[in-house]
Structures are given as structure tokens and as C-alpha cells.
N, C-alpha and C. Protein backbone atom coordinates (compact mmCIF):
# COMPACT_ATOMS: atom_id res chain seq x y z
N ALA A 1 40.14 21.52 -35.43
CA ALA A 1 38.62 21.58 -34.81
C ALA A 1 38.26 20.31 -34.66
N GLY A 2 38.02 19.25 -36.07
CA GLY A 2 37.88 17.93 -35.37
C GLY A 2 38.79 17.02 -34.68
N GLU A 3 40.35 17.37 -34.80
CA GLU A 3 41.02 16.61 -33.93
C GLU A 3 40.80 16.82 -32.08
N ASP A 4 40.50 18.47 -31.92
CA ASP A 4 40.12 18.56 -30.71
C ASP A 4 38.63 17.70 -30.62
N ASP A 5 37.83 17.93 -31.27
CA ASP A 5 36.57 17.07 -31.19
C ASP A 5 36.90 15.58 -30.60
N SER A 6 37.46 15.05 -31.38
CA SER A 6 37.36 13.51 -31.23
C SER A 6 38.78 13.46 -29.85
N ALA A 7 39.23 13.83 -29.79
CA ALA A 7 40.24 14.08 -28.40
C ALA A 7 39.00 13.98 -27.51
N VAL A 8 38.17 15.49 -27.07
CA VAL A 8 37.12 15.12 -26.12
C VAL A 8 35.51 14.33 -26.08
N LYS A 9 36.05 13.83 -27.70
CA LYS A 9 34.80 12.52 -27.02
C LYS A 9 35.72 11.35 -26.83
N LEU A 10 37.02 11.34 -26.84
CA LEU A 10 37.30 10.48 -26.25
C LEU A 10 37.62 10.16 -25.11
N ILE A 11 38.02 11.45 -24.20
CA ILE A 11 38.15 11.46 -22.71
C ILE A 11 36.98 11.68 -21.89
N LEU A 12 35.89 11.53 -22.57
CA LEU A 12 34.32 11.92 -22.21
C LEU A 12 34.38 9.83 -21.92
N HIS A 13 34.65 9.54 -23.27
CA HIS A 13 33.96 7.61 -23.12
C HIS A 13 34.88 7.25 -22.30
N THR A 14 36.69 7.48 -21.81
CA THR A 14 37.04 7.01 -21.03
C THR A 14 36.78 7.16 -19.71
N TRP A 15 36.01 8.78 -19.60
CA TRP A 15 35.60 9.04 -18.25
C TRP A 15 34.88 7.51 -18.22
N GLN A 16 33.90 7.73 -18.86
CA GLN A 16 32.28 7.16 -18.30
C GLN A 16 32.77 5.52 -18.34
N LEU A 17 33.47 5.03 -19.40
CA LEU A 17 34.18 3.56 -18.79
C LEU A 17 34.78 3.30 -17.39
N ASP A 18 35.22 4.94 -16.77
CA ASP A 18 35.71 4.52 -15.77
C ASP A 18 34.82 5.07 -14.58
N ALA A 19 34.02 5.40 -14.88
CA ALA A 19 32.92 5.95 -13.26
C ALA A 19 32.70 4.89 -12.48
N LEU A 20 32.18 5.58 -11.42
CA LEU A 20 31.86 4.65 -10.25
C LEU A 20 30.09 4.35 -10.57
N CYS A 21 29.78 5.71 -11.18
CA CYS A 21 28.04 5.35 -11.77
C CYS A 21 27.81 5.90 -13.20
N HIS A 22 26.75 5.72 -13.28
CA HIS A 22 26.44 5.91 -14.74
C HIS A 22 24.70 6.77 -14.82
N LEU A 23 24.27 6.96 -15.28
CA LEU A 23 23.21 7.99 -15.31
C LEU A 23 22.63 7.51 -16.76
N LEU A 24 21.58 7.07 -16.22
CA LEU A 24 20.89 6.43 -17.84
C LEU A 24 19.55 6.75 -17.54
N SER A 25 19.61 8.01 -18.36
CA SER A 25 17.69 8.43 -18.77
C SER A 25 16.32 7.34 -19.29
N GLN A 26 15.94 7.38 -18.54
CA GLN A 26 14.37 6.09 -18.97
C GLN A 26 15.38 4.74 -18.72
N SER A 27 16.06 4.70 -18.22
CA SER A 27 16.80 2.77 -17.98
C SER A 27 15.89 1.80 -18.03
N ILE A 28 16.01 0.80 -18.27
CA ILE A 28 15.22 -0.40 -18.19
C ILE A 28 15.52 -1.65 -17.28
N LEU A 29 15.48 -2.38 -17.29
CA LEU A 29 15.86 -3.86 -16.30
C LEU A 29 16.52 -3.87 -16.94
N LYS A 30 16.91 -4.37 -18.03
CA LYS A 30 17.95 -5.21 -19.13
C LYS A 30 19.33 -3.92 -19.16
N ASP A 31 18.67 -3.16 -19.22
CA ASP A 31 20.05 -1.91 -19.25
C ASP A 31 20.89 -1.93 -17.78
N LEU A 32 20.31 -2.35 -16.75
CA LEU A 32 21.03 -2.19 -15.13
C LEU A 32 22.39 -3.97 -15.66
N PRO A 33 23.15 -3.36 -14.55
CA PRO A 33 24.17 -4.39 -14.24
C PRO A 33 23.56 -5.66 -12.89
N VAL A 34 24.12 -6.34 -13.09
CA VAL A 34 24.11 -7.24 -11.51
C VAL A 34 24.94 -6.78 -10.58
N GLY A 35 23.89 -6.44 -9.26
CA GLY A 35 25.08 -6.07 -8.06
C GLY A 35 24.03 -4.67 -7.51
N ASP A 36 24.86 -3.56 -7.00
CA ASP A 36 24.89 -2.72 -6.08
C ASP A 36 24.44 -1.62 -7.24
N VAL A 37 23.15 -0.79 -7.42
CA VAL A 37 22.48 -0.06 -8.21
C VAL A 37 22.08 1.10 -7.47
N THR A 38 22.06 2.13 -7.87
CA THR A 38 21.18 3.68 -7.57
C THR A 38 20.62 4.39 -8.47
N LEU A 39 18.92 3.67 -7.74
CA LEU A 39 17.99 4.26 -8.64
C LEU A 39 17.53 5.58 -8.39
N TRP A 40 16.34 6.54 -9.29
CA TRP A 40 15.94 7.24 -8.59
C TRP A 40 14.00 7.45 -8.41
N ARG A 41 14.00 7.50 -7.19
CA ARG A 41 12.31 6.45 -6.92
C ARG A 41 12.31 7.45 -6.06
N GLN A 42 10.53 7.59 -6.11
CA GLN A 42 9.87 8.45 -5.30
C GLN A 42 11.19 9.67 -4.38
N ALA A 43 11.20 10.55 -5.74
CA ALA A 43 12.41 11.67 -6.13
C ALA A 43 13.61 11.89 -4.62
N GLN A 44 13.95 10.57 -5.21
CA GLN A 44 15.47 10.63 -4.34
C GLN A 44 16.04 9.42 -4.91
N LEU A 45 16.96 9.21 -4.86
CA LEU A 45 18.10 8.49 -4.63
C LEU A 45 18.25 7.42 -3.63
N GLN A 46 17.75 6.03 -4.39
CA GLN A 46 17.72 5.12 -3.63
C GLN A 46 18.54 3.91 -3.99
N LYS A 47 19.28 3.33 -3.28
CA LYS A 47 20.61 1.80 -3.46
C LYS A 47 19.99 1.05 -3.32
N GLU A 48 19.25 -0.04 -4.50
CA GLU A 48 19.12 -1.59 -4.49
C GLU A 48 20.31 -2.50 -5.16
N LYS A 49 19.72 -3.52 -5.12
CA LYS A 49 20.58 -4.75 -5.79
C LYS A 49 19.54 -5.35 -6.68
N MET A 50 20.46 -5.11 -7.75
CA MET A 50 19.81 -6.35 -9.04
C MET A 50 20.63 -7.40 -8.83
N LEU A 51 19.41 -8.31 -9.16
CA LEU A 51 19.99 -9.69 -9.22
C LEU A 51 19.48 -10.68 -10.17
N SER A 52 20.34 -11.53 -9.97
CA SER A 52 20.55 -12.45 -11.42
C SER A 52 19.23 -13.02 -11.81
N MET A 53 19.25 -13.41 -10.49
CA MET A 53 17.50 -14.45 -10.64
C MET A 53 17.23 -14.58 -8.11
N LYS A 54 15.64 -13.72 -8.09
CA LYS A 54 15.68 -14.24 -6.97
C LYS A 54 14.22 -15.15 -6.46
N GLU A 55 14.55 -16.08 -5.63
CA GLU A 55 13.54 -17.23 -5.52
C GLU A 55 12.02 -16.26 -4.63
N VAL A 56 11.02 -16.35 -4.91
CA VAL A 56 9.73 -15.78 -4.54
C VAL A 56 8.30 -17.07 -3.80
N PRO A 57 8.64 -17.20 -2.61
CA PRO A 57 8.03 -17.89 -1.95
C PRO A 57 6.17 -17.49 -1.75
N LEU A 58 5.67 -18.50 -2.08
CA LEU A 58 4.10 -17.88 -2.02
C LEU A 58 3.63 -18.60 -1.14
N GLY A 59 3.80 -19.90 -0.55
CA GLY A 59 3.17 -20.89 0.18
C GLY A 59 2.11 -21.41 -0.67
N GLU A 60 1.07 -21.91 0.29
CA GLU A 60 0.28 -22.50 -0.20
C GLU A 60 -0.42 -22.57 -1.48
N LEU A 61 -1.27 -22.50 -2.26
CA LEU A 61 -2.04 -21.99 -3.33
C LEU A 61 -3.37 -23.10 -2.52
N THR A 62 -4.70 -23.05 -2.83
CA THR A 62 -5.76 -23.93 -3.63
C THR A 62 -5.90 -23.85 -5.05
N ALA A 63 -6.41 -24.94 -5.51
CA ALA A 63 -6.53 -25.33 -6.78
C ALA A 63 -7.79 -25.01 -7.27
N ASP A 64 -8.36 -24.82 -8.54
CA ASP A 64 -9.41 -24.68 -8.93
C ASP A 64 -10.22 -25.42 -8.68
N SER A 65 -10.01 -27.00 -8.77
CA SER A 65 -10.62 -28.53 -8.71
C SER A 65 -9.86 -29.41 -8.17
N ALA A 66 -10.08 -30.48 -7.65
CA ALA A 66 -9.41 -31.27 -6.90
C ALA A 66 -8.24 -32.18 -7.77
N GLU A 67 -9.16 -32.14 -9.20
CA GLU A 67 -8.02 -33.06 -10.01
C GLU A 67 -7.09 -31.85 -10.95
N GLN A 68 -6.96 -30.81 -10.66
CA GLN A 68 -6.21 -30.43 -11.21
C GLN A 68 -4.86 -30.00 -10.06
N LEU A 69 -4.57 -30.80 -9.83
CA LEU A 69 -3.03 -30.42 -8.58
C LEU A 69 -2.02 -30.71 -9.36
N ASP A 70 -2.07 -31.61 -9.98
CA ASP A 70 -0.55 -31.65 -11.25
C ASP A 70 -0.41 -30.60 -11.82
N LEU A 71 -1.24 -30.14 -13.01
CA LEU A 71 -0.83 -29.35 -13.44
C LEU A 71 -0.23 -27.58 -12.90
N PRO A 72 0.69 -27.29 -13.39
CA PRO A 72 1.47 -26.01 -13.32
C PRO A 72 0.46 -24.98 -13.16
N LYS A 73 0.58 -23.70 -12.09
CA LYS A 73 -0.46 -22.75 -12.31
C LYS A 73 0.86 -21.81 -12.16
N PRO A 74 0.48 -21.35 -12.78
CA PRO A 74 1.28 -19.77 -12.68
C PRO A 74 0.72 -18.90 -11.39
N PRO A 75 1.82 -17.63 -11.21
CA PRO A 75 1.12 -17.29 -9.57
C PRO A 75 0.12 -15.69 -10.80
N ASP A 76 -0.42 -15.40 -9.65
CA ASP A 76 -1.14 -14.39 -9.97
C ASP A 76 -0.59 -13.14 -9.96
N LYS A 77 -1.27 -11.59 -10.72
CA LYS A 77 -0.90 -11.00 -10.43
C LYS A 77 -0.73 -10.34 -8.67
N LYS A 78 -1.30 -10.94 -8.04
CA LYS A 78 -1.44 -10.40 -6.72
C LYS A 78 -0.07 -11.03 -5.76
N HIS A 79 0.01 -11.82 -6.47
CA HIS A 79 1.76 -12.59 -5.96
C HIS A 79 2.90 -11.85 -7.00
N THR A 80 3.60 -11.04 -6.32
CA THR A 80 4.78 -10.37 -6.90
C THR A 80 6.14 -10.39 -5.97
N ALA A 81 7.20 -10.60 -6.55
CA ALA A 81 8.25 -10.27 -5.13
C ALA A 81 8.80 -8.84 -4.83
N GLU A 82 8.61 -8.77 -3.72
CA GLU A 82 9.10 -7.51 -2.83
C GLU A 82 10.08 -6.68 -3.76
N ASN A 83 10.20 -5.67 -4.26
CA ASN A 83 11.11 -5.18 -4.80
C ASN A 83 12.05 -5.65 -5.93
N ALA A 84 11.70 -6.70 -6.45
CA ALA A 84 12.34 -7.62 -7.49
C ALA A 84 13.18 -6.80 -8.57
N LEU A 85 13.94 -6.15 -8.01
CA LEU A 85 15.31 -6.40 -9.41
C LEU A 85 15.96 -7.69 -9.23
N ALA A 86 15.33 -8.49 -10.58
CA ALA A 86 16.16 -9.08 -10.53
C ALA A 86 15.79 -9.74 -12.40
N TYR A 87 16.81 -10.45 -13.09
CA TYR A 87 16.44 -10.78 -13.98
C TYR A 87 15.34 -11.74 -14.52
N GLU A 88 15.58 -12.69 -13.73
CA GLU A 88 15.38 -13.65 -13.27
C GLU A 88 13.87 -14.18 -12.07
N LEU A 89 12.91 -14.21 -11.87
CA LEU A 89 12.41 -14.92 -10.69
C LEU A 89 12.17 -16.08 -10.44
N ARG A 90 11.61 -16.28 -9.57
CA ARG A 90 11.43 -18.39 -9.60
C ARG A 90 10.34 -18.35 -8.71
N TYR A 91 9.43 -18.94 -8.58
CA TYR A 91 7.83 -18.86 -7.73
C TYR A 91 8.03 -20.36 -7.33
N HIS A 92 7.81 -20.58 -5.87
CA HIS A 92 7.72 -22.36 -5.50
C HIS A 92 6.30 -21.86 -4.49
N TRP A 93 5.65 -23.14 -5.02
CA TRP A 93 4.32 -23.21 -4.25
C TRP A 93 3.83 -24.47 -3.93
N GLN A 94 3.04 -25.09 -3.22
CA GLN A 94 2.75 -25.86 -2.90
C GLN A 94 1.29 -25.65 -3.59
N VAL A 95 0.41 -27.02 -3.84
CA VAL A 95 -0.67 -26.84 -4.55
C VAL A 95 -1.69 -27.43 -3.80
N SER A 96 -3.09 -27.19 -2.81
CA SER A 96 -3.47 -28.00 -2.10
C SER A 96 -5.12 -28.04 -2.96
N ALA A 97 -5.87 -29.12 -2.59
CA ALA A 97 -6.90 -29.21 -3.18
C ALA A 97 -7.94 -28.18 -2.25
N PRO A 98 -9.28 -28.18 -3.12
CA PRO A 98 -10.34 -27.21 -2.69
C PRO A 98 -10.67 -28.37 -1.22
N GLN A 99 -11.31 -27.59 -0.41
CA GLN A 99 -12.53 -28.15 0.63
C GLN A 99 -13.61 -27.66 0.36
N LEU A 100 -14.56 -28.72 1.08
CA LEU A 100 -15.68 -28.61 0.84
C LEU A 100 -15.92 -27.44 1.91
N ASP A 101 -16.57 -26.63 1.86
CA ASP A 101 -17.22 -25.40 2.65
C ASP A 101 -18.16 -25.93 3.16
N GLY A 102 -18.04 -25.85 5.06
CA GLY A 102 -19.53 -26.70 5.83
C GLY A 102 -21.03 -26.09 5.51
N LYS A 103 -20.72 -24.42 4.70
CA LYS A 103 -22.27 -24.62 4.76
C LYS A 103 -22.31 -24.43 3.10
N ALA A 104 -21.91 -25.65 2.89
CA ALA A 104 -22.79 -25.45 1.51
C ALA A 104 -23.55 -26.48 1.26
N LYS A 105 -24.47 -26.38 0.66
CA LYS A 105 -25.66 -27.43 0.71
C LYS A 105 -26.30 -28.04 -0.33
N GLU A 106 -26.07 -29.33 -0.19
CA GLU A 106 -26.56 -30.45 -1.31
C GLU A 106 -27.35 -29.55 -2.49
N VAL A 107 -27.16 -30.37 -3.36
CA VAL A 107 -27.95 -30.03 -4.74
C VAL A 107 -28.42 -31.81 -5.45
N LYS A 108 -29.75 -31.46 -5.39
CA LYS A 108 -29.74 -33.21 -5.62
C LYS A 108 -30.77 -32.96 -7.05
N GLN A 109 -30.72 -34.21 -7.47
CA GLN A 109 -31.64 -34.94 -8.63
C GLN A 109 -32.97 -35.16 -8.24
N THR A 110 -33.46 -34.48 -9.30
CA THR A 110 -35.30 -34.91 -9.32
C THR A 110 -35.85 -36.17 -10.61
N ILE A 111 -35.68 -37.03 -9.57
CA ILE A 111 -35.92 -38.34 -10.76
C ILE A 111 -37.67 -38.82 -10.90
N GLU A 112 -38.03 -39.38 -11.70
CA GLU A 112 -39.13 -39.93 -11.84
C GLU A 112 -39.65 -40.94 -11.67
N LYS A 113 -40.37 -41.85 -10.86
CA LYS A 113 -40.58 -42.92 -10.27
C LYS A 113 -42.35 -43.82 -9.97
N GLU A 114 -41.98 -44.98 -10.97
CA GLU A 114 -43.14 -45.09 -11.43
C GLU A 114 -43.83 -46.38 -10.24
N ILE A 115 -44.94 -46.31 -9.37
CA ILE A 115 -44.93 -46.73 -8.15
C ILE A 115 -46.42 -47.44 -8.38
N GLU A 116 -46.80 -49.07 -8.12
CA GLU A 116 -48.10 -49.19 -7.59
C GLU A 116 -49.02 -49.21 -6.56
N ARG A 117 -49.68 -48.82 -6.55
CA ARG A 117 -50.25 -48.75 -4.96
C ARG A 117 -51.73 -49.64 -5.12
N GLU A 118 -51.92 -49.50 -3.62
CA GLU A 118 -53.52 -49.66 -3.75
C GLU A 118 -54.41 -48.82 -3.86
N LYS A 119 -55.85 -48.00 -3.60
CA LYS A 119 -56.54 -47.38 -3.93
C LYS A 119 -58.05 -47.62 -3.18
N VAL A 120 -58.14 -47.14 -2.54
CA VAL A 120 -59.96 -47.85 -1.79
C VAL A 120 -60.82 -46.93 -3.02
N ILE A 121 -62.03 -47.31 -3.83
CA ILE A 121 -62.68 -46.53 -3.82
C ILE A 121 -64.09 -46.97 -4.08
N VAL A 122 -64.78 -46.24 -3.87
CA VAL A 122 -66.45 -46.34 -3.27
C VAL A 122 -66.94 -46.85 -5.07
N VAL A 123 -68.00 -48.25 -4.93
CA VAL A 123 -68.06 -48.32 -5.93
C VAL A 123 -69.92 -48.13 -6.43
N LYS A 124 -69.85 -47.90 -7.51
CA LYS A 124 -71.62 -46.58 -8.14
C LYS A 124 -72.03 -47.27 -9.13
N ASP A 125 -73.16 -47.27 -8.95
CA ASP A 125 -73.99 -48.01 -10.54
C ASP A 125 -74.18 -46.97 -11.43
N LYS A 126 -74.85 -47.01 -12.23
CA LYS A 126 -75.10 -46.54 -13.88
C LYS A 126 -75.07 -44.95 -13.91
N LYS A 127 -76.04 -44.94 -12.13
CA LYS A 127 -75.78 -43.44 -12.41
C LYS A 127 -75.51 -43.03 -11.67
N GLY A 128 -74.23 -43.39 -11.32
CA GLY A 128 -72.44 -42.30 -10.39
C GLY A 128 -73.08 -42.68 -8.98
N LYS A 129 -74.86 -43.18 -8.62
CA LYS A 129 -74.78 -42.73 -7.05
C LYS A 129 -74.11 -43.73 -6.87
N PRO A 130 -73.32 -44.55 -5.47
CA PRO A 130 -72.83 -45.60 -4.32
C PRO A 130 -73.40 -46.37 -4.11
N ILE A 131 -73.51 -48.03 -4.53
CA ILE A 131 -74.06 -49.00 -3.58
C ILE A 131 -73.49 -48.91 -2.79
N LEU A 132 -75.39 -49.60 -1.71
CA LEU A 132 -75.23 -49.27 -0.62
C LEU A 132 -74.78 -50.69 -0.36
N ASP A 133 -73.89 -51.07 0.66
CA ASP A 133 -74.01 -52.42 1.12
C ASP A 133 -75.14 -53.39 2.12
N LYS A 134 -75.18 -54.14 2.75
CA LYS A 134 -76.62 -53.86 4.21
C LYS A 134 -76.20 -53.62 5.15
N ASN A 135 -75.73 -52.73 5.18
CA ASN A 135 -75.97 -51.61 6.31
C ASN A 135 -75.50 -50.27 6.39
N GLY A 136 -76.13 -50.40 4.76
CA GLY A 136 -76.31 -49.24 4.33
C GLY A 136 -74.86 -48.04 4.21
N LYS A 137 -74.22 -48.79 4.41
CA LYS A 137 -72.58 -47.79 3.87
C LYS A 137 -72.43 -47.77 2.12
N PRO A 138 -71.37 -47.42 2.25
CA PRO A 138 -70.98 -47.54 0.74
C PRO A 138 -70.22 -48.64 0.22
N THR A 139 -70.43 -49.46 -1.18
CA THR A 139 -69.60 -50.12 -0.86
C THR A 139 -68.18 -49.97 -1.62
N GLU A 140 -66.73 -50.37 -1.20
CA GLU A 140 -65.68 -49.65 -1.41
C GLU A 140 -65.18 -51.05 -1.55
N LYS A 141 -64.37 -51.03 -2.90
CA LYS A 141 -63.47 -52.01 -2.98
C LYS A 141 -61.52 -51.66 -3.66
N LYS A 142 -60.62 -52.49 -3.38
CA LYS A 142 -59.11 -52.32 -3.65
C LYS A 142 -58.88 -51.96 -4.97
N GLN A 143 -58.38 -50.99 -5.24
CA GLN A 143 -57.74 -50.73 -7.04
C GLN A 143 -56.25 -51.04 -7.04
N ARG A 144 -55.55 -51.66 -7.74
CA ARG A 144 -54.34 -51.35 -7.75
C ARG A 144 -54.35 -50.34 -8.87
N ILE A 145 -53.13 -49.29 -8.45
CA ILE A 145 -53.14 -48.44 -9.77
C ILE A 145 -51.62 -48.22 -9.60
N LYS A 146 -51.02 -48.14 -10.89
CA LYS A 146 -49.64 -47.12 -10.85
C LYS A 146 -49.67 -45.78 -11.25
N GLU A 147 -48.83 -45.25 -10.36
CA GLU A 147 -48.62 -43.69 -10.42
C GLU A 147 -47.21 -43.38 -10.45
N THR A 148 -46.83 -41.72 -11.13
CA THR A 148 -45.76 -41.47 -11.08
C THR A 148 -45.10 -40.49 -9.92
N ILE A 149 -44.41 -40.79 -9.46
CA ILE A 149 -43.96 -39.80 -8.46
C ILE A 149 -42.47 -38.85 -8.50
N LYS A 150 -42.17 -37.60 -8.21
CA LYS A 150 -40.78 -37.12 -8.32
C LYS A 150 -40.00 -36.97 -6.63
N GLU A 151 -39.18 -37.33 -7.18
CA GLU A 151 -38.28 -37.91 -5.65
C GLU A 151 -37.00 -36.90 -6.13
N GLN A 152 -36.39 -36.88 -4.62
CA GLN A 152 -35.26 -35.88 -5.12
C GLN A 152 -34.01 -37.35 -4.20
N ILE A 153 -32.96 -37.17 -4.80
CA ILE A 153 -31.92 -38.14 -4.49
C ILE A 153 -30.78 -37.83 -4.51
N SER A 154 -29.77 -37.87 -3.97
CA SER A 154 -28.13 -37.26 -3.88
C SER A 154 -27.50 -38.13 -5.31
N TYR A 155 -26.82 -36.85 -5.86
CA TYR A 155 -26.18 -37.54 -6.80
C TYR A 155 -24.76 -38.24 -6.20
N SER A 156 -24.04 -39.41 -7.41
CA SER A 156 -23.15 -40.28 -6.85
C SER A 156 -21.87 -39.96 -7.93
N PRO A 157 -20.75 -39.08 -7.28
CA PRO A 157 -20.65 -38.41 -5.34
C PRO A 157 -21.83 -37.60 -5.25
N PRO A 158 -22.24 -36.80 -3.79
CA PRO A 158 -22.74 -35.81 -3.75
C PRO A 158 -22.47 -34.61 -4.56
N VAL A 159 -23.13 -33.90 -4.57
CA VAL A 159 -22.98 -32.38 -5.60
C VAL A 159 -23.70 -31.46 -4.28
N TYR A 160 -22.84 -30.08 -4.22
CA TYR A 160 -23.08 -29.36 -3.44
C TYR A 160 -23.19 -28.02 -4.03
N HIS A 161 -23.99 -26.90 -3.32
CA HIS A 161 -23.55 -25.63 -3.75
C HIS A 161 -22.46 -24.41 -3.27
N GLN A 162 -21.35 -24.46 -3.77
CA GLN A 162 -20.43 -23.66 -2.59
C GLN A 162 -19.86 -22.38 -3.57
N ASN A 163 -19.88 -21.48 -3.42
CA ASN A 163 -19.35 -20.08 -3.73
C ASN A 163 -19.39 -19.59 -4.98
N GLY A 164 -21.17 -19.81 -4.59
CA GLY A 164 -21.56 -19.55 -6.27
C GLY A 164 -21.22 -20.36 -7.59
N ARG A 165 -21.74 -21.71 -7.37
CA ARG A 165 -21.44 -22.94 -8.48
C ARG A 165 -21.61 -24.18 -6.76
N ASN A 166 -21.80 -24.81 -8.61
CA ASN A 166 -21.95 -26.25 -8.14
C ASN A 166 -20.72 -26.87 -8.28
N VAL A 167 -20.13 -28.04 -7.20
CA VAL A 167 -18.50 -28.67 -6.92
C VAL A 167 -19.48 -30.19 -6.60
N VAL A 168 -18.83 -31.29 -7.16
CA VAL A 168 -18.73 -32.24 -6.72
C VAL A 168 -17.80 -32.83 -5.43
N ALA A 169 -18.51 -33.42 -4.56
CA ALA A 169 -17.92 -33.77 -2.78
C ALA A 169 -17.17 -35.27 -3.25
N ILE A 170 -15.57 -35.34 -3.20
CA ILE A 170 -15.65 -36.23 -2.74
C ILE A 170 -14.35 -36.91 -1.75
N GLN A 171 -14.65 -38.02 -1.46
CA GLN A 171 -13.79 -38.20 -0.06
C GLN A 171 -12.18 -39.34 -0.61
N GLN A 172 -12.29 -39.96 -1.78
CA GLN A 172 -11.76 -40.71 -1.79
C GLN A 172 -10.70 -40.64 -3.51
N SER A 173 -9.85 -40.99 -3.51
CA SER A 173 -9.37 -40.74 -4.93
C SER A 173 -10.09 -41.51 -6.49
N GLN A 174 -10.56 -42.92 -5.62
CA GLN A 174 -11.51 -43.45 -6.73
C GLN A 174 -12.63 -42.69 -6.96
N ASP A 175 -13.63 -42.02 -6.63
CA ASP A 175 -14.14 -40.85 -7.23
C ASP A 175 -13.69 -39.70 -7.81
N ILE A 176 -13.13 -39.94 -8.73
CA ILE A 176 -12.75 -38.44 -9.53
C ILE A 176 -13.35 -39.05 -10.43
N SER A 177 -13.25 -39.92 -11.73
CA SER A 177 -13.82 -40.34 -12.81
C SER A 177 -15.01 -40.28 -12.89
N SER A 178 -16.42 -40.28 -11.78
CA SER A 178 -17.60 -40.40 -11.49
C SER A 178 -17.48 -38.67 -11.46
N ALA A 179 -17.11 -38.63 -10.58
CA ALA A 179 -16.91 -36.82 -10.37
C ALA A 179 -16.67 -36.09 -11.73
N GLN A 180 -15.80 -36.25 -12.45
CA GLN A 180 -15.53 -35.89 -13.63
C GLN A 180 -16.69 -36.51 -14.51
N ASN A 181 -17.73 -37.10 -14.28
CA ASN A 181 -18.79 -37.19 -15.61
C ASN A 181 -19.75 -36.52 -15.22
N LEU A 182 -19.64 -36.29 -13.61
CA LEU A 182 -20.87 -35.30 -13.61
C LEU A 182 -20.68 -33.95 -13.92
N ILE A 183 -18.91 -33.23 -14.16
CA ILE A 183 -18.90 -31.98 -14.50
C ILE A 183 -18.87 -32.20 -15.49
N GLN A 184 -18.92 -33.10 -16.78
CA GLN A 184 -19.18 -33.50 -18.49
C GLN A 184 -20.36 -33.39 -18.27
N GLN A 185 -21.45 -34.10 -17.75
CA GLN A 185 -22.94 -33.42 -17.95
C GLN A 185 -23.22 -32.14 -17.81
N GLY A 186 -22.95 -31.04 -17.17
CA GLY A 186 -22.41 -29.73 -16.46
C GLY A 186 -23.66 -29.72 -15.85
N ILE A 187 -23.33 -30.33 -15.09
CA ILE A 187 -24.24 -30.74 -12.75
C ILE A 187 -23.49 -30.20 -12.25
N ALA A 188 -21.80 -29.86 -12.42
CA ALA A 188 -21.07 -29.12 -11.73
C ALA A 188 -19.59 -28.67 -12.18
N LYS A 189 -19.32 -27.73 -11.47
CA LYS A 189 -18.02 -27.18 -12.70
C LYS A 189 -16.79 -27.05 -11.49
N ALA A 190 -16.50 -27.95 -10.85
CA ALA A 190 -15.57 -28.70 -9.88
C ALA A 190 -15.36 -29.92 -8.91
N ILE A 191 -14.18 -29.63 -8.35
CA ILE A 191 -14.38 -31.02 -7.67
C ILE A 191 -13.55 -30.47 -6.46
N VAL A 192 -13.88 -31.24 -5.46
CA VAL A 192 -13.84 -30.37 -3.99
C VAL A 192 -13.88 -32.06 -3.17
N VAL A 193 -12.62 -31.52 -2.12
CA VAL A 193 -12.72 -32.80 -1.16
C VAL A 193 -13.16 -32.53 0.30
N ARG A 194 -13.71 -34.03 0.70
CA ARG A 194 -14.67 -33.69 2.10
C ARG A 194 -14.08 -34.65 2.74
N ASP A 195 -14.23 -34.22 4.37
CA ASP A 195 -13.84 -35.50 5.03
C ASP A 195 -15.01 -36.31 5.73
């Protein structure tokens, strides 16, 4: 009986090796051979091709900030290769700098500035009554006073509010260093390009 079992096992193993198809229960990607495969999908057998490598073009992607164009950006979950049966996926994309939205509103900084100006005052006596001149009008004199005013001025380079965050808008690559300083100060979150 033991020899019969071994003989049957050998015959089945030989058939399996020579078979055109193999039924793998709960197969995973690494179990599939490169080439034509038949998969059970959507309650039916479907012919597919298993590749060793597949190219996936993603087109143009916009960077989060203009100074990060040279950093690699892996594709996010929404970029998948259609019917990607491959051991290796190679994603190709171009990265462009984010642009300033035409609807973005400039954010200005408030500075305090001390100014000196002339103020006309009415001269009063010790009792607080105006001193009148020979025509009966109150005597006036000019007095220089200093006062602090608040003024709204643009950042350099300018900062805008766009898509729920503050961004620094640059026109030339020389402005990146100044823009990065504004980001480090917490004034903006990213750098964008404006025309």
C-alpha cells in the first residue's frame, strides 16, 4: 500500500509540473510567474499578463513649495497603475513649482513708526481759559510733537493668503533665501512663483 501511495504521489507531481495551468488557492503576487496568467476575478476567470516591470507615467505633479523641486516625491495613493500585475512599478513624473493664485490676498505686516509733526494748540492762561489776541481770537501757537503710528507694509518678498495658508510669492530664484527666512519666522508655510 505504501508503494502505491508513493507511485500515485509521483504521478500527480509529474502532472502538476507538466500542467498548462496551476490552481493556487489564495495566491499572492510573488507566487505568479512572469507571463500569461489566469486569475479568478469578479466571479470569473480572466486572462492577465504578469510583468517583471511596468512603467507608470504620472505626468506633471505640483510641489508643495518652490524650493523643494529637486526632492524626490513618491506617488500618493491616488496614482496607481491600472491592472498593475508587475513585480516592479516604475513611476515617472515631472515636478513643477506651485503658482500664486490670482485670487490670493496679500498679507501685510504692521509696523510702528515714530513721526514728528506740527500741532496747533490754543494758548491758555493759568485758569485754563484761552488767551485772546487783539482781535479777540484765541491765541494759537505751533508745537512739534512726536507720535507713534501703525503702518501696513508688504513683506519682502510679498506674502499672500492662498488655499488656507500663507505663502511667499517670488519672481526670481534669488528671492528664495529671503522667502525661506519668512518661513523660518513662521510667517508663511511655502514658497510659490508669481508671474
